[in-house]
Amino acid sequence: MSYNAKNYTEQGGEKTVIGGTLEISGTLEIKEGAAISGLPKAEMQADSTAEDISSLVTDFNALLTKLKAAGFIATE
């Protein structure tokens, strides 16, 4: 009989694999310079050059559309 653990730390301690749910009830601190992979990225949004409110609304709505498409904001 064999058993494969879902959660384990590889030899040397450089990598820990979580195969289930990681529940944190405290604080997760991510140090400056740490790399985070696997998260979605929103499309590039150019800096606004709007000179009136109508143009600013257009730029802002374009940003919202890109954030929704990347999955950062719910669509409903």
Protein backbone atom coordinates (compact mmCIF):
# COMPACT_ATOMS: atom_id res chain seq x y z
CA MET A 1 0.00 0.00 0.00
CA SER A 2 1.33 3.47 -0.87
CA TYR A 3 0.27 6.96 0.05
CA ASN A 4 0.86 10.17 -1.90
CA ALA A 5 0.56 13.30 0.25
CA LYS A 6 -1.17 16.30 -1.32
CA ASN A 7 0.92 18.68 0.79
CA TYR A 8 4.66 18.24 1.09
CA THR A 9 7.98 20.06 1.23
CA GLU A 10 10.59 18.95 -1.26
CA GLN A 11 14.03 17.84 -0.17
CA GLY A 12 16.07 20.84 0.96
CA GLY A 13 13.00 22.90 1.88
CA GLU A 14 13.11 25.21 -1.15
CA LYS A 15 9.62 24.30 -2.37
CA THR A 16 6.38 23.45 -0.56
CA VAL A 17 3.49 22.02 -2.57
CA ILE A 18 -0.10 22.53 -1.41
CA GLY A 19 -2.39 20.11 -3.20
CA GLY A 20 -5.54 21.12 -1.37
CA THR A 21 -6.78 24.37 0.15
CA LEU A 22 -4.45 26.73 1.99
CA GLU A 23 -6.42 28.58 4.64
CA ILE A 24 -4.73 31.51 6.33
CA SER A 25 -6.40 33.00 9.38
CA GLY A 26 -3.60 35.46 10.08
CA THR A 27 -1.51 37.62 7.77
CA LEU A 28 0.24 36.63 4.57
CA GLU A 29 3.30 38.81 4.07
CA ILE A 30 4.91 38.87 0.64
CA LYS A 31 8.37 40.40 0.77
CA GLU A 32 9.47 43.04 -1.72
CA GLY A 33 11.02 41.48 -4.79
CA ALA A 34 9.11 38.19 -4.44
CA ALA A 35 7.80 36.74 -7.68
CA ILE A 36 4.13 35.79 -7.89
CA SER A 37 3.18 33.65 -10.87
CA GLY A 38 -0.06 32.20 -12.08
CA LEU A 39 -2.19 35.31 -11.53
CA PRO A 40 -4.01 36.90 -14.46
CA LYS A 41 -2.76 40.16 -15.93
CA ALA A 42 -5.01 42.86 -17.27
CA GLU A 43 -4.35 44.32 -20.70
CA MET A 44 -2.22 47.47 -20.80
CA GLN A 45 -4.19 50.67 -20.22
CA ALA A 46 -2.48 53.79 -21.51
CA ASP A 47 -2.26 56.83 -19.26
CA SER A 48 -5.26 59.09 -19.69
CA THR A 49 -4.78 62.30 -21.64
CA ALA A 50 -8.41 63.29 -21.20
CA GLU A 51 -9.09 67.00 -21.23
CA ASP A 52 -12.77 66.77 -20.32
CA ILE A 53 -15.03 64.64 -18.16
CA SER A 54 -16.52 62.74 -21.09
CA SER A 55 -13.09 61.59 -22.29
CA LEU A 56 -12.08 60.68 -18.74
CA VAL A 57 -15.21 58.53 -18.37
CA THR A 58 -14.31 56.77 -21.62
CA ASP A 59 -10.77 56.08 -20.39
CA PHE A 60 -12.03 54.87 -17.00
CA ASN A 61 -14.60 52.55 -18.57
CA ALA A 62 -11.88 51.09 -20.82
CA LEU A 63 -9.85 50.31 -17.68
CA LEU A 64 -12.86 48.68 -16.00
CA THR A 65 -13.48 46.55 -19.11
CA LYS A 66 -9.88 45.30 -19.05
CA LEU A 67 -10.00 44.52 -15.33
CA LYS A 68 -13.25 42.58 -15.80
CA ALA A 69 -11.82 40.64 -18.75
CA ALA A 70 -8.79 39.64 -16.65
CA GLY A 71 -11.06 38.43 -13.84
CA PHE A 72 -10.20 41.08 -11.24
CA ILE A 73 -13.73 42.51 -11.11
CA ALA A 74 -17.02 40.61 -11.19
CA THR A 75 -19.10 41.23 -14.27
CA GLU A 76 -22.42 41.01 -12.44
